[in-house]
Amino acid sequence: RGISMCKKLLLLPALALVLACLLGLG
């Protein structure tokens, strides 16, 4: 599976999306 390491260790779209936003914008 194509999974981003360190920022997205698991393929969980809902939480991965909000975590990416949280990391980028607080």
PDB file of all heavy atoms in Angstrom:
ATOM      1  N   ARG A   1       0.847  -1.170   0.000  1.00  0.00           N
ATOM      2  CA  ARG A   1       0.000   0.000   0.000  1.00  0.00           C
ATOM      3  C   ARG A   1       0.887   1.225   0.000  1.00  0.00           C
ATOM      4  O   ARG A   1       1.936   1.256   0.604  1.00  0.00           O
ATOM      5  CB  ARG A   1      -0.892   0.037   1.263  1.00  0.00           C
ATOM      6  CG  ARG A   1      -1.867  -1.135   1.335  1.00  0.00           C
ATOM      7  CD  ARG A   1      -2.678  -1.092   2.608  1.00  0.00           C
ATOM      8  NE  ARG A   1      -1.830  -1.304   3.777  1.00  0.00           N
ATOM      9  CZ  ARG A   1      -2.300  -1.357   5.002  1.00  0.00           C
ATOM     10  NH1 ARG A   1      -3.567  -1.176   5.237  1.00  0.00           N
ATOM     11  NH2 ARG A   1      -1.485  -1.576   6.009  1.00  0.00           N
ATOM     12  N   GLY A   2       0.452   2.293  -0.658  1.00  0.00           N
ATOM     13  CA  GLY A   2       1.214   3.527  -0.705  1.00  0.00           C
ATOM     14  C   GLY A   2       0.886   4.368   0.494  1.00  0.00           C
ATOM     15  O   GLY A   2      -0.154   5.005   0.561  1.00  0.00           O
ATOM     16  N   ILE A   3       1.780   4.397   1.481  1.00  0.00           N
ATOM     17  CA  ILE A   3       1.509   5.086   2.733  1.00  0.00           C
ATOM     18  C   ILE A   3       2.652   6.033   3.018  1.00  0.00           C
ATOM     19  O   ILE A   3       3.806   5.662   2.952  1.00  0.00           O
ATOM     20  CB  ILE A   3       1.383   4.082   3.903  1.00  0.00           C
ATOM     21  CG1 ILE A   3       0.359   3.007   3.553  1.00  0.00           C
ATOM     22  CG2 ILE A   3       0.980   4.800   5.168  1.00  0.00           C
ATOM     23  CD1 ILE A   3       0.328   1.892   4.545  1.00  0.00           C
ATOM     24  N   SER A   4       2.372   7.268   3.380  1.00  0.00           N
ATOM     25  CA  SER A   4       3.419   8.218   3.706  1.00  0.00           C
ATOM     26  C   SER A   4       4.014   7.867   5.046  1.00  0.00           C
ATOM     27  O   SER A   4       3.299   7.666   6.015  1.00  0.00           O
ATOM     28  CB  SER A   4       2.843   9.641   3.765  1.00  0.00           C
ATOM     29  OG  SER A   4       3.801  10.511   4.265  1.00  0.00           O
ATOM     30  N   MET A   5       5.336   7.777   5.105  1.00  0.00           N
ATOM     31  CA  MET A   5       6.004   7.394   6.334  1.00  0.00           C
ATOM     32  C   MET A   5       6.149   8.597   7.239  1.00  0.00           C
ATOM     33  O   MET A   5       6.283   9.711   6.800  1.00  0.00           O
ATOM     34  CB  MET A   5       7.378   6.810   6.020  1.00  0.00           C
ATOM     35  CG  MET A   5       7.309   5.595   5.119  1.00  0.00           C
ATOM     36  SD  MET A   5       8.920   4.989   4.681  1.00  0.00           S
ATOM     37  CE  MET A   5       9.443   4.273   6.208  1.00  0.00           C
ATOM     38  N   CYS A   6       6.185   8.307   8.545  1.00  0.00           N
ATOM     39  CA  CYS A   6       6.406   9.277   9.596  1.00  0.00           C
ATOM     40  C   CYS A   6       5.207  10.174   9.821  1.00  0.00           C
ATOM     41  O   CYS A   6       4.866  10.435  10.940  1.00  0.00           O
ATOM     42  CB  CYS A   6       7.633  10.131   9.305  1.00  0.00           C
ATOM     43  SG  CYS A   6       8.392  10.807  10.769  1.00  0.00           S
ATOM     44  N   LYS A   7       4.541  10.663   8.761  1.00  0.00           N
ATOM     45  CA  LYS A   7       3.358  11.468   8.938  1.00  0.00           C
ATOM     46  C   LYS A   7       2.103  10.622   8.801  1.00  0.00           C
ATOM     47  O   LYS A   7       1.080  10.920   9.359  1.00  0.00           O
ATOM     48  CB  LYS A   7       3.296  12.605   7.906  1.00  0.00           C
ATOM     49  CG  LYS A   7       4.524  13.452   7.850  1.00  0.00           C
ATOM     50  CD  LYS A   7       4.849  14.103   9.172  1.00  0.00           C
ATOM     51  CE  LYS A   7       5.959  15.099   9.033  1.00  0.00           C
ATOM     52  NZ  LYS A   7       7.187  14.533   8.540  1.00  0.00           N
ATOM     53  N   LYS A   8       2.148   9.571   7.980  1.00  0.00           N
ATOM     54  CA  LYS A   8       0.988   8.711   7.764  1.00  0.00           C
ATOM     55  C   LYS A   8       1.473   7.272   7.737  1.00  0.00           C
ATOM     56  O   LYS A   8       1.795   6.730   6.712  1.00  0.00           O
ATOM     57  CB  LYS A   8       0.304   9.067   6.437  1.00  0.00           C
ATOM     58  CG  LYS A   8      -0.339  10.431   6.452  1.00  0.00           C
ATOM     59  CD  LYS A   8      -0.714  10.905   5.060  1.00  0.00           C
ATOM     60  CE  LYS A   8      -1.724  10.021   4.412  1.00  0.00           C
ATOM     61  NZ  LYS A   8      -2.072  10.440   3.062  1.00  0.00           N
ATOM     62  N   LEU A   9       1.509   6.641   8.899  1.00  0.00           N
ATOM     63  CA  LEU A   9       2.048   5.298   8.984  1.00  0.00           C
ATOM     64  C   LEU A   9       0.996   4.247   8.633  1.00  0.00           C
ATOM     65  O   LEU A   9       1.336   3.094   8.418  1.00  0.00           O
ATOM     66  CB  LEU A   9       2.573   5.031  10.397  1.00  0.00           C
ATOM     67  CG  LEU A   9       3.705   5.958  10.837  1.00  0.00           C
ATOM     68  CD1 LEU A   9       4.171   5.577  12.210  1.00  0.00           C
ATOM     69  CD2 LEU A   9       4.848   5.897   9.861  1.00  0.00           C
ATOM     70  N   LEU A  10      -0.276   4.632   8.603  1.00  0.00           N
ATOM     71  CA  LEU A  10      -1.326   3.684   8.325  1.00  0.00           C
ATOM     72  C   LEU A  10      -2.278   4.285   7.310  1.00  0.00           C
ATOM     73  O   LEU A  10      -2.463   5.500   7.260  1.00  0.00           O
ATOM     74  CB  LEU A  10      -2.113   3.349   9.607  1.00  0.00           C
ATOM     75  CG  LEU A  10      -1.277   2.748  10.737  1.00  0.00           C
ATOM     76  CD1 LEU A  10      -2.082   2.722  12.009  1.00  0.00           C
ATOM     77  CD2 LEU A  10      -0.798   1.365  10.378  1.00  0.00           C
ATOM     78  N   LEU A  11      -2.931   3.428   6.519  1.00  0.00           N
ATOM     79  CA  LEU A  11      -3.838   3.902   5.492  1.00  0.00           C
ATOM     80  C   LEU A  11      -5.214   4.100   6.106  1.00  0.00           C
ATOM     81  O   LEU A  11      -6.080   3.265   6.009  1.00  0.00           O
ATOM     82  CB  LEU A  11      -3.925   2.897   4.346  1.00  0.00           C
ATOM     83  CG  LEU A  11      -4.718   3.344   3.105  1.00  0.00           C
ATOM     84  CD1 LEU A  11      -4.124   4.612   2.535  1.00  0.00           C
ATOM     85  CD2 LEU A  11      -4.757   2.246   2.082  1.00  0.00           C
ATOM     86  N   LEU A  12      -5.401   5.257   6.779  1.00  0.00           N
ATOM     87  CA  LEU A  12      -6.653   5.595   7.416  1.00  0.00           C
ATOM     88  C   LEU A  12      -7.041   6.977   6.928  1.00  0.00           C
ATOM     89  O   LEU A  12      -6.651   7.978   7.510  1.00  0.00           O
ATOM     90  CB  LEU A  12      -6.495   5.596   8.939  1.00  0.00           C
ATOM     91  CG  LEU A  12      -6.027   4.256   9.505  1.00  0.00           C
ATOM     92  CD1 LEU A  12      -5.653   4.406  10.953  1.00  0.00           C
ATOM     93  CD2 LEU A  12      -7.105   3.215   9.358  1.00  0.00           C
ATOM     94  N   PRO A  13      -7.766   7.090   5.826  1.00  0.00           N
ATOM     95  CA  PRO A  13      -7.938   8.373   5.146  1.00  0.00           C
ATOM     96  C   PRO A  13      -8.465   9.477   6.035  1.00  0.00           C
ATOM     97  O   PRO A  13      -7.966  10.595   5.985  1.00  0.00           O
ATOM     98  CB  PRO A  13      -8.932   8.020   4.027  1.00  0.00           C
ATOM     99  CG  PRO A  13      -8.759   6.560   3.806  1.00  0.00           C
ATOM    100  CD  PRO A  13      -8.433   5.987   5.143  1.00  0.00           C
ATOM    101  N   ALA A  14      -9.494   9.219   6.861  1.00  0.00           N
ATOM    102  CA  ALA A  14     -10.087  10.317   7.625  1.00  0.00           C
ATOM    103  C   ALA A  14      -9.087  10.930   8.586  1.00  0.00           C
ATOM    104  O   ALA A  14      -8.850  12.134   8.584  1.00  0.00           O
ATOM    105  CB  ALA A  14     -11.308   9.788   8.390  1.00  0.00           C
ATOM    106  N   LEU A  15      -8.468  10.085   9.421  1.00  0.00           N
ATOM    107  CA  LEU A  15      -7.527  10.626  10.392  1.00  0.00           C
ATOM    108  C   LEU A  15      -6.255  11.115   9.733  1.00  0.00           C
ATOM    109  O   LEU A  15      -5.679  12.118  10.148  1.00  0.00           O
ATOM    110  CB  LEU A  15      -7.189   9.552  11.435  1.00  0.00           C
ATOM    111  CG  LEU A  15      -6.316  10.030  12.595  1.00  0.00           C
ATOM    112  CD1 LEU A  15      -6.956  11.217  13.290  1.00  0.00           C
ATOM    113  CD2 LEU A  15      -6.077   8.909  13.579  1.00  0.00           C
ATOM    114  N   ALA A  16      -5.783  10.423   8.668  1.00  0.00           N
ATOM    115  CA  ALA A  16      -4.587  10.881   7.974  1.00  0.00           C
ATOM    116  C   ALA A  16      -4.789  12.276   7.414  1.00  0.00           C
ATOM    117  O   ALA A  16      -3.894  13.117   7.449  1.00  0.00           O
ATOM    118  CB  ALA A  16      -4.236   9.908   6.843  1.00  0.00           C
ATOM    119  N   LEU A  17      -5.989  12.559   6.891  1.00  0.00           N
ATOM    120  CA  LEU A  17      -6.253  13.872   6.315  1.00  0.00           C
ATOM    121  C   LEU A  17      -6.222  14.949   7.379  1.00  0.00           C
ATOM    122  O   LEU A  17      -5.596  15.990   7.208  1.00  0.00           O
ATOM    123  CB  LEU A  17      -7.621  13.853   5.617  1.00  0.00           C
ATOM    124  CG  LEU A  17      -8.082  15.186   5.014  1.00  0.00           C
ATOM    125  CD1 LEU A  17      -7.094  15.649   3.954  1.00  0.00           C
ATOM    126  CD2 LEU A  17      -9.476  15.045   4.429  1.00  0.00           C
ATOM    127  N   VAL A  18      -6.871  14.702   8.511  1.00  0.00           N
ATOM    128  CA  VAL A  18      -6.894  15.744   9.535  1.00  0.00           C
ATOM    129  C   VAL A  18      -5.537  15.892  10.192  1.00  0.00           C
ATOM    130  O   VAL A  18      -5.156  16.990  10.586  1.00  0.00           O
ATOM    131  CB  VAL A  18      -7.982  15.448  10.597  1.00  0.00           C
ATOM    132  CG1 VAL A  18      -9.352  15.453   9.979  1.00  0.00           C
ATOM    133  CG2 VAL A  18      -7.728  14.133  11.306  1.00  0.00           C
ATOM    134  N   LEU A  19      -4.787  14.810  10.301  1.00  0.00           N
ATOM    135  CA  LEU A  19      -3.449  14.940  10.858  1.00  0.00           C
ATOM    136  C   LEU A  19      -2.552  15.746   9.937  1.00  0.00           C
ATOM    137  O   LEU A  19      -1.759  16.570  10.379  1.00  0.00           O
ATOM    138  CB  LEU A  19      -2.845  13.557  11.095  1.00  0.00           C
ATOM    139  CG  LEU A  19      -3.286  12.873  12.385  1.00  0.00           C
ATOM    140  CD1 LEU A  19      -2.633  11.516  12.496  1.00  0.00           C
ATOM    141  CD2 LEU A  19      -2.968  13.714  13.597  1.00  0.00           C
ATOM    142  N   ALA A  20      -2.664  15.521   8.622  1.00  0.00           N
ATOM    143  CA  ALA A  20      -1.868  16.303   7.682  1.00  0.00           C
ATOM    144  C   ALA A  20      -2.200  17.774   7.809  1.00  0.00           C
ATOM    145  O   ALA A  20      -1.331  18.647   7.772  1.00  0.00           O
ATOM    146  CB  ALA A  20      -2.128  15.822   6.248  1.00  0.00           C
ATOM    147  N   CYS A  21      -3.478  18.096   7.989  1.00  0.00           N
ATOM    148  CA  CYS A  21      -3.887  19.493   8.151  1.00  0.00           C
ATOM    149  C   CYS A  21      -3.373  20.033   9.473  1.00  0.00           C
ATOM    150  O   CYS A  21      -2.902  21.154   9.570  1.00  0.00           O
ATOM    151  CB  CYS A  21      -5.408  19.599   8.086  1.00  0.00           C
ATOM    152  SG  CYS A  21      -6.020  21.285   8.057  1.00  0.00           S
ATOM    153  N   LEU A  22      -3.455  19.206  10.525  1.00  0.00           N
ATOM    154  CA  LEU A  22      -2.975  19.635  11.832  1.00  0.00           C
ATOM    155  C   LEU A  22      -1.495  19.919  11.809  1.00  0.00           C
ATOM    156  O   LEU A  22      -1.031  20.926  12.344  1.00  0.00           O
ATOM    157  CB  LEU A  22      -3.271  18.535  12.863  1.00  0.00           C
ATOM    158  CG  LEU A  22      -2.710  18.752  14.268  1.00  0.00           C
ATOM    159  CD1 LEU A  22      -3.326  19.989  14.888  1.00  0.00           C
ATOM    160  CD2 LEU A  22      -2.979  17.539  15.133  1.00  0.00           C
ATOM    161  N   LEU A  23      -0.704  19.055  11.158  1.00  0.00           N
ATOM    162  CA  LEU A  23       0.732  19.250  11.104  1.00  0.00           C
ATOM    163  C   LEU A  23       1.093  20.476  10.296  1.00  0.00           C
ATOM    164  O   LEU A  23       2.057  21.172  10.598  1.00  0.00           O
ATOM    165  CB  LEU A  23       1.406  18.015  10.485  1.00  0.00           C
ATOM    166  CG  LEU A  23       1.268  16.733  11.302  1.00  0.00           C
ATOM    167  CD1 LEU A  23       1.960  15.599  10.574  1.00  0.00           C
ATOM    168  CD2 LEU A  23       1.824  16.902  12.676  1.00  0.00           C
ATOM    169  N   GLY A  24       0.310  20.746   9.269  1.00  0.00           N
ATOM    170  CA  GLY A  24       0.652  21.869   8.406  1.00  0.00           C
ATOM    171  C   GLY A  24       0.175  23.199   8.929  1.00  0.00           C
ATOM    172  O   GLY A  24       0.821  24.230   8.750  1.00  0.00           O
ATOM    173  N   LEU A  25      -0.981  23.228   9.614  1.00  0.00           N
ATOM    174  CA  LEU A  25      -1.582  24.509   9.956  1.00  0.00           C
ATOM    175  C   LEU A  25      -1.914  24.663  11.434  1.00  0.00           C
ATOM    176  O   LEU A  25      -2.499  25.665  11.833  1.00  0.00           O
ATOM    177  CB  LEU A  25      -2.875  24.684   9.142  1.00  0.00           C
ATOM    178  CG  LEU A  25      -2.713  24.618   7.621  1.00  0.00           C
ATOM    179  CD1 LEU A  25      -4.077  24.750   6.973  1.00  0.00           C
ATOM    180  CD2 LEU A  25      -1.789  25.717   7.134  1.00  0.00           C
ATOM    181  N   GLY A  26      -1.569  23.683  12.247  1.00  0.00           N
ATOM    182  CA  GLY A  26      -1.895  23.803  13.665  1.00  0.00           C
ATOM    183  C   GLY A  26      -3.319  23.336  13.890  1.00  0.00           C
ATOM    184  O   GLY A  26      -3.564  22.243  14.314  1.00  0.00           O
TER     185      GLY A  26
END
